[in-house]
Amino acid sequence: MRITRLLAAAAALFSIGSSAVLAEGSPDDVLVENSLAKLTRGDYEADLERVPPELRSTFASDPKRLTMLLNSMLIAKSLAAEARRAGVDRDPKISLLLALETDRALAQVQLRRIEEAAGAEFDAKRAEILLKAREIYAVDKEKYKVSEEVQASHILFDPRPNGADAALARANEARAKLVAGADFAALAKEISDDASAKTNRGELGWFGTGKMDPDFTKAAFALKSVGDISEPVKSRFGYHLIRLEGRHPARQLSFDEVKDQIIAELRTRYINDQREAKLASIREDPKMKVDQSAVDALVQHVEPQVFKRALPQAK
């Protein structure tokens, strides 16, 4: 319990004035300690390197997530301290394992450095990249079209409680009230079997084809004018009354609207290509030597009769 309180206090320290506190703190500042280990600010900042740069500020501003991380780090450091006291790290096999884990960590750091360098190199070619983006847009304009969308509200009548006929009768009764002037949003909140209607009053927002139930979509797109209300429409969820709230026609997006998307896709592809080129250069190193007999010796051969004995016998 005491550890939890200390960790929560440490998390609060980081969550208040994040950038200012980070600038003033020292890596040697002890955030929390127990009888086995100390957890310092430097430990935290080093571990935070595992989080993508663009997510670090968000991560550090969440006290709950930060507390969980600090708690996990303290447990790991405490168990590691116990292992060192027991001499576990001096076991030859464990020493090899630790060396391999160090290699894996360094490999990840090096890959990140390669990706960051590739990103910086890409960003330095802004004018050239912009021309490339314009070329891509001109060649494949069809890719940058927005399909027609509608905005709609609905009232759902679920057939499960009393059957399809009863649901349809309720839908027709409700439509008569709406035609007579009843408020659609208020009625949706009152009688819709869609639980979300209690808060959104039946509003579904904007959607295109392929997002909703096919029959529902067909009926929504068939409505002509804003305010039109459909006849009862059957979908796999039951019967609906649908009101058209708005319509966006299909249109061609301009280059200015999509250039950031195109450039982001080019940047990601460039970084991936640079990373893969580095990995390929290692896999295809002409100086690589393989002791095939030693590799073959690693394969464990199991005699068929031994394998059969290991299988569960059918009863």
C-alpha atoms as a PDB file:
ATOM      1  CA  MET A   1       0.000   0.000   0.000  1.00  0.00           C
ATOM      2  CA  ARG A   2       2.850   2.393   0.889  1.00  0.00           C
ATOM      3  CA  ILE A   3       4.546   1.681  -2.450  1.00  0.00           C
ATOM      4  CA  THR A   4       1.332   2.403  -4.311  1.00  0.00           C
ATOM      5  CA  ARG A   5       0.974   5.778  -2.548  1.00  0.00           C
ATOM      6  CA  LEU A   6       4.569   6.704  -3.323  1.00  0.00           C
ATOM      7  CA  LEU A   7       4.191   5.748  -6.970  1.00  0.00           C
ATOM      8  CA  ALA A   8       0.967   7.717  -7.257  1.00  0.00           C
ATOM      9  CA  ALA A   9       2.749  10.753  -5.834  1.00  0.00           C
ATOM     10  CA  ALA A  10       5.575  10.307  -8.327  1.00  0.00           C
ATOM     11  CA  ALA A  11       3.054  10.099 -11.151  1.00  0.00           C
ATOM     12  CA  ALA A  12       1.411  13.311  -9.976  1.00  0.00           C
ATOM     13  CA  LEU A  13       4.809  15.030  -9.997  1.00  0.00           C
ATOM     14  CA  PHE A  14       5.276  14.151 -13.672  1.00  0.00           C
ATOM     15  CA  SER A  15       1.729  15.071 -14.640  1.00  0.00           C
ATOM     16  CA  ILE A  16       1.973  18.636 -13.312  1.00  0.00           C
ATOM     17  CA  GLY A  17       3.723  21.038 -15.633  1.00  0.00           C
ATOM     18  CA  SER A  18       5.255  18.188 -17.618  1.00  0.00           C
ATOM     19  CA  SER A  19       7.736  20.112 -19.780  1.00  0.00           C
ATOM     20  CA  ALA A  20       8.883  22.421 -16.982  1.00  0.00           C
ATOM     21  CA  VAL A  21       9.373  19.600 -14.485  1.00  0.00           C
ATOM     22  CA  LEU A  22      11.315  17.506 -16.992  1.00  0.00           C
ATOM     23  CA  ALA A  23      13.636  20.432 -17.643  1.00  0.00           C
ATOM     24  CA  GLU A  24      14.371  21.009 -13.949  1.00  0.00           C
ATOM     25  CA  GLY A  25      14.736  17.426 -12.738  1.00  0.00           C
ATOM     26  CA  SER A  26      17.965  15.444 -12.422  1.00  0.00           C
ATOM     27  CA  PRO A  27      18.437  11.871 -13.682  1.00  0.00           C
ATOM     28  CA  ASP A  28      19.655  10.987 -10.183  1.00  0.00           C
ATOM     29  CA  ASP A  29      16.413  12.076  -8.503  1.00  0.00           C
ATOM     30  CA  VAL A  30      14.988   9.065  -6.636  1.00  0.00           C
ATOM     31  CA  LEU A  31      11.288   8.674  -7.381  1.00  0.00           C
ATOM     32  CA  VAL A  32      10.702   5.734  -5.056  1.00  0.00           C
ATOM     33  CA  GLU A  33      12.787   3.131  -3.269  1.00  0.00           C
ATOM     34  CA  ASN A  34      12.313   0.021  -1.168  1.00  0.00           C
ATOM     35  CA  SER A  35      14.612  -2.350   0.683  1.00  0.00           C
ATOM     36  CA  LEU A  36      15.859  -3.820  -2.598  1.00  0.00           C
ATOM     37  CA  ALA A  37      15.994  -1.104  -5.232  1.00  0.00           C
ATOM     38  CA  LYS A  38      15.792   2.577  -6.154  1.00  0.00           C
ATOM     39  CA  LEU A  39      13.839   3.924  -9.085  1.00  0.00           C
ATOM     40  CA  THR A  40      15.294   7.156 -10.435  1.00  0.00           C
ATOM     41  CA  ARG A  41      14.124   9.772 -12.863  1.00  0.00           C
ATOM     42  CA  GLY A  42      16.897   8.611 -15.189  1.00  0.00           C
ATOM     43  CA  ASP A  43      15.484   5.077 -15.109  1.00  0.00           C
ATOM     44  CA  TYR A  44      12.066   6.427 -16.052  1.00  0.00           C
ATOM     45  CA  GLU A  45      13.368   8.610 -18.873  1.00  0.00           C
ATOM     46  CA  ALA A  46      15.438   5.724 -20.261  1.00  0.00           C
ATOM     47  CA  ASP A  47      12.442   3.401 -20.230  1.00  0.00           C
ATOM     48  CA  LEU A  48      10.313   6.082 -21.895  1.00  0.00           C
ATOM     49  CA  GLU A  49      12.630   5.818 -24.907  1.00  0.00           C
ATOM     50  CA  ARG A  50      10.740   2.633 -25.781  1.00  0.00           C
ATOM     51  CA  VAL A  51       7.613   4.719 -26.403  1.00  0.00           C
ATOM     52  CA  PRO A  52       7.349   6.294 -29.899  1.00  0.00           C
ATOM     53  CA  PRO A  53       8.415   9.970 -29.713  1.00  0.00           C
ATOM     54  CA  GLU A  54       5.035  11.284 -30.860  1.00  0.00           C
ATOM     55  CA  LEU A  55       3.284   9.451 -27.983  1.00  0.00           C
ATOM     56  CA  ARG A  56       5.605  10.349 -25.092  1.00  0.00           C
ATOM     57  CA  SER A  57       3.888  13.577 -24.048  1.00  0.00           C
ATOM     58  CA  THR A  58       0.499  11.872 -24.061  1.00  0.00           C
ATOM     59  CA  PHE A  59       1.903   8.927 -22.105  1.00  0.00           C
ATOM     60  CA  ALA A  60       3.455  11.164 -19.466  1.00  0.00           C
ATOM     61  CA  SER A  61       0.258  13.192 -19.021  1.00  0.00           C
ATOM     62  CA  ASP A  62      -1.779  10.139 -17.975  1.00  0.00           C
ATOM     63  CA  PRO A  63      -1.256   9.652 -14.193  1.00  0.00           C
ATOM     64  CA  LYS A  64      -2.830   6.187 -14.149  1.00  0.00           C
ATOM     65  CA  ARG A  65      -0.684   4.869 -17.012  1.00  0.00           C
ATOM     66  CA  LEU A  66       2.405   6.500 -15.514  1.00  0.00           C
ATOM     67  CA  THR A  67       1.747   4.947 -12.109  1.00  0.00           C
ATOM     68  CA  MET A  68       1.388   1.501 -13.706  1.00  0.00           C
ATOM     69  CA  LEU A  69       4.709   1.958 -15.516  1.00  0.00           C
ATOM     70  CA  LEU A  70       6.553   3.078 -12.379  1.00  0.00           C
ATOM     71  CA  ASN A  71       5.087   0.196 -10.407  1.00  0.00           C
ATOM     72  CA  SER A  72       6.155  -2.296 -13.088  1.00  0.00           C
ATOM     73  CA  MET A  73       9.659  -0.803 -13.206  1.00  0.00           C
ATOM     74  CA  LEU A  74      10.076  -0.974  -9.417  1.00  0.00           C
ATOM     75  CA  ILE A  75       8.983  -4.617  -9.344  1.00  0.00           C
ATOM     76  CA  ALA A  76      11.429  -5.458 -12.156  1.00  0.00           C
ATOM     77  CA  LYS A  77      14.327  -3.661 -10.429  1.00  0.00           C
ATOM     78  CA  SER A  78      13.517  -5.352  -7.109  1.00  0.00           C
ATOM     79  CA  LEU A  79      13.406  -8.843  -8.617  1.00  0.00           C
ATOM     80  CA  ALA A  80      16.631  -8.129 -10.527  1.00  0.00           C
ATOM     81  CA  ALA A  81      18.320  -7.011  -7.299  1.00  0.00           C
ATOM     82  CA  GLU A  82      17.290 -10.269  -5.631  1.00  0.00           C
ATOM     83  CA  ALA A  83      18.668 -12.221  -8.593  1.00  0.00           C
ATOM     84  CA  ARG A  84      22.034 -10.413  -8.373  1.00  0.00           C
ATOM     85  CA  ARG A  85      22.263 -11.064  -4.643  1.00  0.00           C
ATOM     86  CA  ALA A  86      21.699 -14.739  -5.387  1.00  0.00           C
ATOM     87  CA  GLY A  87      24.448 -14.673  -8.033  1.00  0.00           C
ATOM     88  CA  VAL A  88      22.067 -15.529 -10.844  1.00  0.00           C
ATOM     89  CA  ASP A  89      23.822 -13.120 -13.205  1.00  0.00           C
ATOM     90  CA  ARG A  90      27.100 -15.050 -12.755  1.00  0.00           C
ATOM     91  CA  ASP A  91      25.650 -18.247 -14.188  1.00  0.00           C
ATOM     92  CA  PRO A  92      27.320 -18.737 -17.620  1.00  0.00           C
ATOM     93  CA  LYS A  93      24.025 -19.465 -19.378  1.00  0.00           C
ATOM     94  CA  ILE A  94      22.359 -16.448 -17.789  1.00  0.00           C
ATOM     95  CA  SER A  95      25.339 -14.286 -18.774  1.00  0.00           C
ATOM     96  CA  LEU A  96      24.839 -15.343 -22.390  1.00  0.00           C
ATOM     97  CA  LEU A  97      21.120 -14.636 -22.112  1.00  0.00           C
ATOM     98  CA  LEU A  98      21.823 -11.154 -20.734  1.00  0.00           C
ATOM     99  CA  ALA A  99      24.246 -10.493 -23.578  1.00  0.00           C
ATOM    100  CA  LEU A 100      21.596 -11.544 -26.104  1.00  0.00           C
ATOM    101  CA  GLU A 101      19.017  -9.261 -24.477  1.00  0.00           C
ATOM    102  CA  THR A 102      21.515  -6.400 -24.661  1.00  0.00           C
ATOM    103  CA  ASP A 103      22.032  -7.142 -28.346  1.00  0.00           C
ATOM    104  CA  ARG A 104      18.278  -7.112 -28.948  1.00  0.00           C
ATOM    105  CA  ALA A 105      17.912  -3.773 -27.156  1.00  0.00           C
ATOM    106  CA  LEU A 106      20.806  -2.248 -29.095  1.00  0.00           C
ATOM    107  CA  ALA A 107      19.364  -3.597 -32.353  1.00  0.00           C
ATOM    108  CA  GLN A 108      16.063  -1.862 -31.644  1.00  0.00           C
ATOM    109  CA  VAL A 109      17.862   1.378 -30.834  1.00  0.00           C
ATOM    110  CA  GLN A 110      19.877   1.145 -34.051  1.00  0.00           C
ATOM    111  CA  LEU A 111      16.758   0.478 -36.118  1.00  0.00           C
ATOM    112  CA  ARG A 112      15.125   3.521 -34.564  1.00  0.00           C
ATOM    113  CA  ARG A 113      18.199   5.608 -35.396  1.00  0.00           C
ATOM    114  CA  ILE A 114      18.041   4.389 -38.994  1.00  0.00           C
ATOM    115  CA  GLU A 115      14.341   5.289 -39.191  1.00  0.00           C
ATOM    116  CA  GLU A 116      14.894   8.728 -37.637  1.00  0.00           C
ATOM    117  CA  ALA A 117      17.758   9.449 -40.035  1.00  0.00           C
ATOM    118  CA  ALA A 118      15.601   8.355 -42.980  1.00  0.00           C
ATOM    119  CA  GLY A 119      12.768  10.587 -41.781  1.00  0.00           C
ATOM    120  CA  ALA A 120      15.091  13.579 -41.486  1.00  0.00           C
ATOM    121  CA  GLU A 121      16.529  12.865 -44.933  1.00  0.00           C
ATOM    122  CA  PHE A 122      13.024  12.707 -46.407  1.00  0.00           C
ATOM    123  CA  ASP A 123      11.967  15.955 -44.706  1.00  0.00           C
ATOM    124  CA  ALA A 124      15.010  17.741 -46.127  1.00  0.00           C
ATOM    125  CA  LYS A 125      13.695  17.060 -49.647  1.00  0.00           C
ATOM    126  CA  ARG A 126      10.400  18.915 -49.144  1.00  0.00           C
ATOM    127  CA  ALA A 127      10.344  20.662 -52.538  1.00  0.00           C
ATOM    128  CA  GLU A 128      11.216  17.478 -54.405  1.00  0.00           C
ATOM    129  CA  ILE A 129       8.647  15.471 -52.443  1.00  0.00           C
ATOM    130  CA  LEU A 130       5.926  18.023 -53.135  1.00  0.00           C
ATOM    131  CA  LEU A 131       6.523  17.634 -56.876  1.00  0.00           C
ATOM    132  CA  LYS A 132       6.345  13.852 -56.490  1.00  0.00           C
ATOM    133  CA  ALA A 133       3.072  14.184 -54.573  1.00  0.00           C
ATOM    134  CA  ARG A 134       1.570  16.331 -57.352  1.00  0.00           C
ATOM    135  CA  GLU A 135       2.602  13.700 -59.886  1.00  0.00           C
ATOM    136  CA  ILE A 136       0.955  10.915 -57.881  1.00  0.00           C
ATOM    137  CA  TYR A 137      -2.238  12.982 -57.551  1.00  0.00           C
ATOM    138  CA  ALA A 138      -2.366  13.735 -61.279  1.00  0.00           C
ATOM    139  CA  VAL A 139      -1.799  10.119 -62.290  1.00  0.00           C
ATOM    140  CA  ASP A 140      -4.339   8.593 -59.886  1.00  0.00           C
ATOM    141  CA  LYS A 141      -7.045  11.198 -59.288  1.00  0.00           C
ATOM    142  CA  GLU A 142      -9.715   8.503 -58.987  1.00  0.00           C
ATOM    143  CA  LYS A 143      -8.115   7.385 -55.733  1.00  0.00           C
ATOM    144  CA  TYR A 144      -8.832  10.796 -54.241  1.00  0.00           C
ATOM    145  CA  LYS A 145     -12.574  10.994 -54.747  1.00  0.00           C
ATOM    146  CA  VAL A 146     -15.089  11.087 -51.933  1.00  0.00           C
ATOM    147  CA  SER A 147     -18.190   8.960 -52.438  1.00  0.00           C
ATOM    148  CA  GLU A 148     -21.643  10.328 -51.782  1.00  0.00           C
ATOM    149  CA  GLU A 149     -22.558  10.442 -48.100  1.00  0.00           C
ATOM    150  CA  VAL A 150     -25.761  11.002 -46.207  1.00  0.00           C
ATOM    151  CA  GLN A 151     -26.473  12.070 -42.654  1.00  0.00           C
ATOM    152  CA  ALA A 152     -29.430  10.342 -41.050  1.00  0.00           C
ATOM    153  CA  SER A 153     -31.306   9.660 -37.838  1.00  0.00           C
ATOM    154  CA  HIS A 154     -33.346   6.571 -37.076  1.00  0.00           C
ATOM    155  CA  ILE A 155     -35.772   4.972 -34.673  1.00  0.00           C
ATOM    156  CA  LEU A 156     -35.368   1.214 -34.204  1.00  0.00           C
ATOM    157  CA  PHE A 157     -38.177  -1.246 -33.474  1.00  0.00           C
ATOM    158  CA  ASP A 158     -36.738  -4.562 -32.287  1.00  0.00           C
ATOM    159  CA  PRO A 159     -38.890  -7.595 -33.229  1.00  0.00           C
ATOM    160  CA  ARG A 160     -37.412  -9.879 -30.573  1.00  0.00           C
ATOM    161  CA  PRO A 161     -39.706  -9.074 -27.646  1.00  0.00           C
ATOM    162  CA  ASN A 162     -43.063  -9.506 -29.388  1.00  0.00           C
ATOM    163  CA  GLY A 163     -42.397 -10.566 -32.979  1.00  0.00           C
ATOM    164  CA  ALA A 164     -41.979  -8.899 -36.369  1.00  0.00           C
ATOM    165  CA  ASP A 165     -45.651  -7.990 -36.818  1.00  0.00           C
ATOM    166  CA  ALA A 166     -45.748  -6.131 -33.509  1.00  0.00           C
ATOM    167  CA  ALA A 167     -42.520  -4.271 -34.353  1.00  0.00           C
ATOM    168  CA  LEU A 168     -43.889  -3.251 -37.753  1.00  0.00           C
ATOM    169  CA  ALA A 169     -47.138  -2.058 -36.170  1.00  0.00           C
ATOM    170  CA  ARG A 170     -45.180   0.098 -33.706  1.00  0.00           C
ATOM    171  CA  ALA A 171     -43.135   1.539 -36.587  1.00  0.00           C
ATOM    172  CA  ASN A 172     -46.269   2.478 -38.556  1.00  0.00           C
ATOM    173  CA  GLU A 173     -47.839   4.035 -35.458  1.00  0.00           C
ATOM    174  CA  ALA A 174     -44.714   6.097 -34.798  1.00  0.00           C
ATOM    175  CA  ARG A 175     -44.514   7.244 -38.428  1.00  0.00           C
ATOM    176  CA  ALA A 176     -48.089   8.492 -38.240  1.00  0.00           C
ATOM    177  CA  LYS A 177     -47.134  10.605 -35.211  1.00  0.00           C
ATOM    178  CA  LEU A 178     -44.115  12.015 -37.060  1.00  0.00           C
ATOM    179  CA  VAL A 179     -46.177  12.898 -40.139  1.00  0.00           C
ATOM    180  CA  ALA A 180     -48.617  14.639 -37.810  1.00  0.00           C
ATOM    181  CA  GLY A 181     -45.784  16.818 -36.499  1.00  0.00           C
ATOM    182  CA  ALA A 182     -44.149  14.910 -33.632  1.00  0.00           C
ATOM    183  CA  ASP A 183     -40.498  15.748 -32.973  1.00  0.00           C
ATOM    184  CA  PHE A 184     -38.275  12.993 -34.417  1.00  0.00           C
ATOM    185  CA  ALA A 185     -35.416  13.399 -31.943  1.00  0.00           C
ATOM    186  CA  ALA A 186     -37.720  13.428 -28.925  1.00  0.00           C
ATOM    187  CA  LEU A 187     -39.615  10.369 -30.166  1.00  0.00           C
ATOM    188  CA  ALA A 188     -36.377   8.506 -30.875  1.00  0.00           C
ATOM    189  CA  LYS A 189     -35.187   9.159 -27.334  1.00  0.00           C
ATOM    190  CA  GLU A 190     -38.532   7.997 -25.942  1.00  0.00           C
ATOM    191  CA  ILE A 191     -39.314   4.829 -27.905  1.00  0.00           C
ATOM    192  CA  SER A 192     -36.302   3.656 -29.946  1.00  0.00           C
ATOM    193  CA  ASP A 193     -34.969   0.193 -29.122  1.00  0.00           C
ATOM    194  CA  ASP A 194     -31.476   1.429 -30.015  1.00  0.00           C
ATOM    195  CA  ALA A 195     -30.011   2.079 -26.546  1.00  0.00           C
ATOM    196  CA  SER A 196     -27.758   4.845 -27.878  1.00  0.00           C
ATOM    197  CA  ALA A 197     -30.828   6.907 -28.765  1.00  0.00           C
ATOM    198  CA  LYS A 198     -31.134   7.892 -25.108  1.00  0.00           C
ATOM    199  CA  THR A 199     -28.098  10.123 -25.610  1.00  0.00           C
ATOM    200  CA  ASN A 200     -27.794  10.743 -29.370  1.00  0.00           C
ATOM    201  CA  ARG A 201     -31.568  10.966 -30.087  1.00  0.00           C
ATOM    202  CA  GLY A 202     -31.198   8.585 -33.002  1.00  0.00           C
ATOM    203  CA  GLU A 203     -28.496  10.552 -34.839  1.00  0.00           C
ATOM    204  CA  LEU A 204     -26.120   8.336 -36.858  1.00  0.00           C
ATOM    205  CA  GLY A 205     -23.844  10.984 -38.346  1.00  0.00           C
ATOM    206  CA  TRP A 206     -22.465  10.844 -41.891  1.00  0.00           C
ATOM    207  CA  PHE A 207     -21.959   7.537 -43.689  1.00  0.00           C
ATOM    208  CA  GLY A 208     -21.413   6.192 -47.188  1.00  0.00           C
ATOM    209  CA  THR A 209     -22.292   2.909 -48.809  1.00  0.00           C
ATOM    210  CA  GLY A 210     -20.877  -0.204 -47.193  1.00  0.00           C
ATOM    211  CA  LYS A 211     -20.894   1.067 -43.609  1.00  0.00           C
ATOM    212  CA  MET A 212     -24.451   0.273 -42.514  1.00  0.00           C
ATOM    213  CA  ASP A 213     -26.782  -2.659 -43.110  1.00  0.00           C
ATOM    214  CA  PRO A 214     -27.373  -2.859 -46.917  1.00  0.00           C
ATOM    215  CA  ASP A 215     -31.167  -2.496 -46.712  1.00  0.00           C
ATOM    216  CA  PHE A 216     -30.858   0.380 -44.264  1.00  0.00           C
ATOM    217  CA  THR A 217     -28.296   2.109 -46.502  1.00  0.00           C
ATOM    218  CA  LYS A 218     -30.437   1.676 -49.628  1.00  0.00           C
ATOM    219  CA  ALA A 219     -33.421   3.240 -47.902  1.00  0.00           C
ATOM    220  CA  ALA A 220     -31.402   6.127 -46.453  1.00  0.00           C
ATOM    221  CA  PHE A 221     -29.861   7.015 -49.817  1.00  0.00           C
ATOM    222  CA  ALA A 222     -33.285   6.803 -51.496  1.00  0.00           C
ATOM    223  CA  LEU A 223     -34.606   9.724 -49.429  1.00  0.00           C
ATOM    224  CA  LYS A 224     -34.604  12.870 -51.564  1.00  0.00           C
ATOM    225  CA  SER A 225     -34.866  15.924 -49.330  1.00  0.00           C
ATOM    226  CA  VAL A 226     -33.615  16.821 -45.861  1.00  0.00           C
ATOM    227  CA  GLY A 227     -36.410  16.068 -43.406  1.00  0.00           C
ATOM    228  CA  ASP A 228     -37.915  13.227 -45.446  1.00  0.00           C
ATOM    229  CA  ILE A 229     -38.920  10.218 -43.337  1.00  0.00           C
ATOM    230  CA  SER A 230     -38.901   6.704 -44.756  1.00  0.00           C
ATOM    231  CA  GLU A 231     -41.581   4.078 -44.564  1.00  0.00           C
ATOM    232  CA  PRO A 232     -40.652   1.289 -42.105  1.00  0.00           C
ATOM    233  CA  VAL A 233     -37.432  -0.321 -43.349  1.00  0.00           C
ATOM    234  CA  LYS A 234     -36.484  -3.877 -42.388  1.00  0.00           C
ATOM    235  CA  SER A 235     -32.845  -4.678 -41.632  1.00  0.00           C
ATOM    236  CA  ARG A 236     -31.169  -7.478 -39.724  1.00  0.00           C
ATOM    237  CA  PHE A 237     -31.731  -5.455 -36.546  1.00  0.00           C
ATOM    238  CA  GLY A 238     -35.470  -4.958 -36.964  1.00  0.00           C
ATOM    239  CA  TYR A 239     -37.600  -2.168 -38.425  1.00  0.00           C
ATOM    240  CA  HIS A 240     -36.408   1.426 -38.758  1.00  0.00           C
ATOM    241  CA  LEU A 241     -37.840   4.816 -39.459  1.00  0.00           C
ATOM    242  CA  ILE A 242     -35.115   6.886 -41.121  1.00  0.00           C
ATOM    243  CA  ARG A 243     -34.987  10.668 -41.449  1.00  0.00           C
ATOM    244  CA  LEU A 244     -32.574  12.320 -43.878  1.00  0.00           C
ATOM    245  CA  GLU A 245     -30.535  15.031 -42.138  1.00  0.00           C
ATOM    246  CA  GLY A 246     -28.124  15.954 -44.933  1.00  0.00           C
ATOM    247  CA  ARG A 247     -26.398  14.838 -48.108  1.00  0.00           C
ATOM    248  CA  HIS A 248     -22.872  15.302 -49.476  1.00  0.00           C
ATOM    249  CA  PRO A 249     -22.551  14.554 -53.198  1.00  0.00           C
ATOM    250  CA  ALA A 250     -19.586  12.607 -54.504  1.00  0.00           C
ATOM    251  CA  ARG A 251     -16.720  14.927 -55.359  1.00  0.00           C
ATOM    252  CA  GLN A 252     -13.093  15.099 -56.407  1.00  0.00           C
ATOM    253  CA  LEU A 253     -10.768  16.135 -53.594  1.00  0.00           C
ATOM    254  CA  SER A 254      -8.320  18.895 -54.513  1.00  0.00           C
ATOM    255  CA  PHE A 255      -4.564  18.403 -54.293  1.00  0.00           C
ATOM    256  CA  ASP A 256      -4.381  20.765 -51.316  1.00  0.00           C
ATOM    257  CA  GLU A 257      -6.890  18.571 -49.464  1.00  0.00           C
ATOM    258  CA  VAL A 258      -4.881  15.371 -49.958  1.00  0.00           C
ATOM    259  CA  LYS A 259      -1.262  16.488 -50.232  1.00  0.00           C
ATOM    260  CA  ASP A 260      -0.515  15.867 -46.537  1.00  0.00           C
ATOM    261  CA  GLN A 261      -1.938  12.343 -46.843  1.00  0.00           C
ATOM    262  CA  ILE A 262       0.148  11.622 -49.959  1.00  0.00           C
ATOM    263  CA  ILE A 263       3.326  13.016 -48.393  1.00  0.00           C
ATOM    264  CA  ALA A 264       2.736  11.014 -45.193  1.00  0.00           C
ATOM    265  CA  GLU A 265       2.345   7.829 -47.253  1.00  0.00           C
ATOM    266  CA  LEU A 266       5.542   8.625 -49.195  1.00  0.00           C
ATOM    267  CA  ARG A 267       7.409   9.301 -45.938  1.00  0.00           C
ATOM    268  CA  THR A 268       6.320   6.026 -44.382  1.00  0.00           C
ATOM    269  CA  ARG A 269       7.292   4.143 -47.540  1.00  0.00           C
ATOM    270  CA  TYR A 270      10.699   5.863 -47.662  1.00  0.00           C
ATOM    271  CA  ILE A 271      11.466   5.022 -44.023  1.00  0.00           C
ATOM    272  CA  ASN A 272      10.339   1.415 -44.489  1.00  0.00           C
ATOM    273  CA  ASP A 273      12.473   1.086 -47.620  1.00  0.00           C
ATOM    274  CA  GLN A 274      15.549   2.403 -45.811  1.00  0.00           C
ATOM    275  CA  ARG A 275      15.006   0.026 -42.904  1.00  0.00           C
ATOM    276  CA  GLU A 276      14.454  -2.958 -45.197  1.00  0.00           C
ATOM    277  CA  ALA A 277      17.527  -2.052 -47.266  1.00  0.00           C
ATOM    278  CA  LYS A 278      19.635  -2.154 -44.118  1.00  0.00           C
ATOM    279  CA  LEU A 279      18.226  -5.509 -43.062  1.00  0.00           C
ATOM    280  CA  ALA A 280      18.715  -6.899 -46.571  1.00  0.00           C
ATOM    281  CA  SER A 281      22.348  -5.790 -46.566  1.00  0.00           C
ATOM    282  CA  ILE A 282      22.895  -7.859 -43.426  1.00  0.00           C
ATOM    283  CA  ARG A 283      21.028 -10.906 -44.711  1.00  0.00           C
ATOM    284  CA  GLU A 284      22.882 -10.765 -48.032  1.00  0.00           C
ATOM    285  CA  ASP A 285      26.326  -9.872 -46.693  1.00  0.00           C
ATOM    286  CA  PRO A 286      28.787 -11.473 -49.189  1.00  0.00           C
ATOM    287  CA  LYS A 287      31.236 -12.105 -46.339  1.00  0.00           C
ATOM    288  CA  MET A 288      28.727 -14.207 -44.404  1.00  0.00           C
ATOM    289  CA  LYS A 289      29.932 -17.708 -43.576  1.00  0.00           C
ATOM    290  CA  VAL A 290      27.670 -20.526 -42.432  1.00  0.00           C
ATOM    291  CA  ASP A 291      28.863 -23.748 -40.835  1.00  0.00           C
ATOM    292  CA  GLN A 292      26.050 -25.841 -42.237  1.00  0.00           C
ATOM    293  CA  SER A 293      27.099 -29.003 -40.397  1.00  0.00           C
ATOM    294  CA  ALA A 294      26.954 -27.134 -37.093  1.00  0.00           C
ATOM    295  CA  VAL A 295      23.526 -25.733 -37.978  1.00  0.00           C
ATOM    296  CA  ASP A 296      22.297 -29.187 -39.020  1.00  0.00           C
ATOM    297  CA  ALA A 297      23.483 -30.576 -35.703  1.00  0.00           C
ATOM    298  CA  LEU A 298      20.980 -28.287 -33.942  1.00  0.00           C
ATOM    299  CA  VAL A 299      18.055 -30.112 -35.559  1.00  0.00           C
ATOM    300  CA  GLN A 300      16.600 -32.720 -33.227  1.00  0.00           C
ATOM    301  CA  HIS A 301      15.681 -35.909 -35.034  1.00  0.00           C
ATOM    302  CA  VAL A 302      12.873 -37.935 -33.473  1.00  0.00           C
ATOM    303  CA  GLU A 303      12.504 -41.601 -34.310  1.00  0.00           C
ATOM    304  CA  PRO A 304       8.985 -42.414 -35.636  1.00  0.00           C
ATOM    305  CA  GLN A 305       8.289 -44.974 -32.915  1.00  0.00           C
ATOM    306  CA  VAL A 306       9.225 -42.452 -30.218  1.00  0.00           C
ATOM    307  CA  PHE A 307       6.894 -39.895 -31.771  1.00  0.00           C
ATOM    308  CA  LYS A 308       4.041 -42.418 -31.853  1.00  0.00           C
ATOM    309  CA  ARG A 309       4.531 -43.254 -28.182  1.00  0.00           C
ATOM    310  CA  ALA A 310       4.262 -39.558 -27.340  1.00  0.00           C
ATOM    311  CA  LEU A 311       0.864 -39.222 -29.017  1.00  0.00           C
ATOM    312  CA  PRO A 312      -2.284 -39.733 -26.895  1.00  0.00           C
ATOM    313  CA  GLN A 313      -3.855 -43.086 -27.597  1.00  0.00           C
ATOM    314  CA  ALA A 314      -7.420 -43.162 -28.900  1.00  0.00           C
ATOM    315  CA  LYS A 315      -9.906 -44.821 -26.558  1.00  0.00           C
END
